[in-house]
Amino acid sequence: MKNVSAYSNVKNISTIGNTQTGHHYWVGKVGKEKDFFAGQTFRVNKTGALKSISIFPEIIIRETEATLTVFEFDTVKREWKQKIAETVVKINKSMEKQWVSFELENANLDGSKQYAFKLTCKNDGMMAIAESHWKEKNLYKEGAQWTGSSENPKGLFHQNFDLSFIAAIENN
């Protein structure tokens, strides 16, 4: 797992996202019945290879395997389209309050399209991932936060809220 800063001095790498942290949204299992998921839509500036997406877990309750899946996204219909890539990271308490990178392979993105990622946790693990301060609306104007659950798998999109995330793209 690379730290976000690993890409800061790499030629042809650009980053997008929202690094403001404030509130958080829970991802994982609450009790024995309900799983919560989160995600974010985004647009890349140029065609290139998505190298990683980093999130900021404020609190980690139990160790878990977190899965980050990237999809092409239809903004008009607000639909998740073709799966582009998926990766799993083992999350533990020592990863709280720092950027956690989900490294991706073979995730080529077209600069003219919109994309989205979903984050889920396995087993009984839970984490609170950072999102923007609610008083600062829509810091990342190229996307919207998504939240869903096992009771509402289609979820809801929140135009004025954004997850805290950093995507590193190797430009072609």
Protein backbone atom coordinates (compact mmCIF):
# COMPACT_ATOMS: atom_id res chain seq x y z
CA MET A 1 0.00 0.00 0.00
CA LYS A 2 1.45 3.35 -1.05
CA ASN A 3 1.05 6.61 0.77
CA VAL A 4 -0.67 9.34 -1.27
CA SER A 5 2.57 11.33 -1.30
CA ALA A 6 4.25 8.51 -3.25
CA TYR A 7 2.72 10.03 -6.39
CA SER A 8 3.52 13.67 -5.66
CA ASN A 9 6.85 13.70 -7.53
CA VAL A 10 6.01 11.24 -10.29
CA LYS A 11 6.09 12.68 -13.79
CA ASN A 12 2.76 12.56 -15.66
CA ILE A 13 0.69 11.88 -12.51
CA SER A 14 -2.15 14.25 -11.71
CA THR A 15 -4.51 14.08 -8.76
CA ILE A 16 -8.16 14.99 -8.34
CA GLY A 17 -10.49 14.93 -5.39
CA ASN A 18 -11.29 16.62 -2.14
CA THR A 19 -8.83 16.61 0.75
CA GLN A 20 -11.04 18.55 3.19
CA THR A 21 -12.09 16.43 6.15
CA GLY A 22 -14.76 17.26 8.67
CA HIS A 23 -17.63 14.88 9.21
CA HIS A 24 -17.69 11.19 8.41
CA TYR A 25 -19.94 8.48 7.04
CA TRP A 26 -19.99 4.92 8.40
CA VAL A 27 -19.21 2.04 6.05
CA GLY A 28 -19.68 -1.57 7.18
CA LYS A 29 -22.03 -3.66 9.26
CA VAL A 30 -24.22 -2.14 11.94
CA GLY A 31 -25.54 -4.86 14.22
CA LYS A 32 -26.26 -8.17 12.53
CA GLU A 33 -28.65 -6.92 9.92
CA LYS A 34 -27.60 -3.84 7.97
CA ASP A 35 -24.55 -3.03 5.85
CA PHE A 36 -23.74 0.56 4.87
CA PHE A 37 -21.82 1.54 1.71
CA ALA A 38 -20.43 4.81 0.39
CA GLY A 39 -19.05 6.17 -2.84
CA GLN A 40 -18.26 9.18 -4.96
CA THR A 41 -18.74 10.15 -8.59
CA PHE A 42 -15.83 11.90 -10.31
CA ARG A 43 -14.48 13.10 -13.64
CA VAL A 44 -10.86 12.91 -14.78
CA ASN A 45 -9.30 15.84 -16.62
CA LYS A 46 -7.44 13.74 -19.19
CA THR A 47 -7.42 10.19 -20.47
CA GLY A 48 -5.09 8.04 -18.40
CA ALA A 49 -4.56 5.13 -16.05
CA LEU A 50 -6.13 5.39 -12.60
CA LYS A 51 -3.32 4.30 -10.29
CA SER A 52 -5.03 4.66 -6.90
CA ILE A 53 -7.89 6.12 -4.91
CA SER A 54 -7.18 7.11 -1.33
CA ILE A 55 -9.72 7.62 1.43
CA PHE A 56 -9.35 8.94 4.98
CA PRO A 57 -10.78 6.65 7.71
CA GLU A 58 -11.42 8.78 10.80
CA ILE A 59 -12.43 5.81 13.00
CA ILE A 60 -11.99 2.05 12.56
CA ILE A 61 -14.12 -0.12 14.85
CA ARG A 62 -13.05 -3.62 13.83
CA GLU A 63 -10.50 -4.96 11.37
CA THR A 64 -12.05 -5.58 7.98
CA GLU A 65 -11.41 -6.12 4.31
CA ALA A 66 -12.50 -3.01 2.45
CA THR A 67 -13.35 -3.34 -1.23
CA LEU A 68 -13.15 -0.36 -3.56
CA THR A 69 -14.81 -0.83 -6.95
CA VAL A 70 -14.58 1.69 -9.81
CA PHE A 71 -17.35 1.96 -12.41
CA GLU A 72 -18.14 4.00 -15.46
CA PHE A 73 -21.06 6.22 -14.45
CA ASP A 74 -24.06 7.66 -16.33
CA THR A 75 -24.69 11.14 -14.87
CA VAL A 76 -28.01 11.64 -16.66
CA LYS A 77 -29.61 8.40 -15.42
CA ARG A 78 -27.48 8.27 -12.25
CA GLU A 79 -26.61 4.67 -13.00
CA TRP A 80 -23.52 2.58 -12.31
CA LYS A 81 -22.33 1.17 -15.62
CA GLN A 82 -19.45 -1.18 -16.49
CA LYS A 83 -17.04 -2.18 -13.72
CA ILE A 84 -13.55 -0.84 -14.52
CA ALA A 85 -11.47 -2.14 -11.58
CA GLU A 86 -11.67 -3.51 -8.06
CA THR A 87 -9.21 -3.90 -5.22
CA VAL A 88 -9.25 -5.04 -1.58
CA VAL A 89 -7.28 -3.59 1.35
CA LYS A 90 -7.11 -5.05 4.85
CA ILE A 91 -8.03 -2.25 7.24
CA ASN A 92 -6.99 -2.18 10.89
CA LYS A 93 -7.03 0.25 13.80
CA SER A 94 -3.49 1.54 13.08
CA MET A 95 -4.79 3.06 9.81
CA GLU A 96 -7.07 5.59 11.52
CA LYS A 97 -6.66 9.30 10.76
CA GLN A 98 -4.40 8.84 7.73
CA TRP A 99 -4.82 8.44 3.99
CA VAL A 100 -5.27 4.81 2.95
CA SER A 101 -4.49 4.03 -0.68
CA PHE A 102 -6.36 1.48 -2.79
CA GLU A 103 -3.93 0.61 -5.60
CA LEU A 104 -5.54 -0.21 -8.96
CA GLU A 105 -4.26 -2.01 -12.05
CA ASN A 106 -5.44 -1.82 -15.64
CA ALA A 107 -7.94 0.93 -14.86
CA ASN A 108 -7.82 3.07 -17.99
CA LEU A 109 -10.13 6.08 -17.87
CA ASP A 110 -11.41 8.26 -20.70
CA GLY A 111 -11.23 12.00 -19.98
CA SER A 112 -14.63 12.55 -21.62
CA LYS A 113 -16.52 10.17 -19.30
CA GLN A 114 -17.76 10.23 -15.71
CA TYR A 115 -16.79 7.55 -13.18
CA ALA A 116 -17.70 6.50 -9.65
CA PHE A 117 -16.32 4.33 -6.89
CA LYS A 118 -18.08 2.30 -4.19
CA LEU A 119 -16.56 1.31 -0.88
CA THR A 120 -17.80 -1.70 1.11
CA CYS A 121 -16.54 -3.69 4.12
CA LYS A 122 -16.66 -7.45 4.71
CA ASN A 123 -17.62 -9.35 7.82
CA ASP A 124 -18.33 -7.25 10.94
CA GLY A 125 -15.79 -4.52 10.19
CA MET A 126 -16.75 -0.85 10.25
CA MET A 127 -15.01 2.41 9.53
CA ALA A 128 -16.02 6.04 9.45
CA ILE A 129 -14.64 7.62 6.28
CA ALA A 130 -14.11 11.35 6.11
CA GLU A 131 -16.31 13.66 4.11
CA SER A 132 -16.29 17.43 3.61
CA HIS A 133 -17.46 19.85 6.25
CA TRP A 134 -21.20 20.18 5.77
CA LYS A 135 -21.01 23.96 6.02
CA GLU A 136 -18.75 24.04 2.93
CA LYS A 137 -21.12 22.83 0.24
CA ASN A 138 -19.94 21.05 -2.88
CA LEU A 139 -16.17 21.43 -2.60
CA TYR A 140 -15.67 18.91 -5.41
CA LYS A 141 -17.98 20.18 -8.14
CA GLU A 142 -17.15 17.35 -10.59
CA GLY A 143 -19.08 14.75 -8.59
CA ALA A 144 -21.45 13.79 -5.82
CA GLN A 145 -21.31 11.58 -2.76
CA TRP A 146 -23.31 8.34 -2.83
CA THR A 147 -24.61 6.41 0.17
CA GLY A 148 -26.41 3.08 0.21
CA SER A 149 -27.20 0.13 2.43
CA SER A 150 -28.28 -3.51 2.29
CA GLU A 151 -31.83 -2.18 2.73
CA ASN A 152 -31.40 0.41 -0.06
CA PRO A 153 -28.74 -0.91 -2.49
CA LYS A 154 -29.57 1.73 -5.15
CA GLY A 155 -28.72 4.35 -2.57
CA LEU A 156 -28.95 8.12 -2.74
CA PHE A 157 -26.76 10.76 -4.37
CA HIS A 158 -25.89 13.90 -2.41
CA GLN A 159 -24.90 16.71 -4.76
CA ASN A 160 -23.76 19.09 -2.00
CA PHE A 161 -21.68 16.54 -0.09
CA ASP A 162 -18.39 14.90 -1.04
CA LEU A 163 -16.25 12.15 0.39
CA SER A 164 -12.67 13.06 1.17
CA PHE A 165 -10.70 11.25 -1.52
CA ILE A 166 -7.66 11.57 -3.74
CA ALA A 167 -7.42 9.84 -7.11
CA ALA A 168 -4.00 9.56 -8.79
CA ILE A 169 -4.11 9.36 -12.59
CA GLU A 170 -1.16 8.66 -14.87
CA ASN A 171 -1.81 10.85 -17.91
CA ASN A 172 -1.30 9.38 -21.39
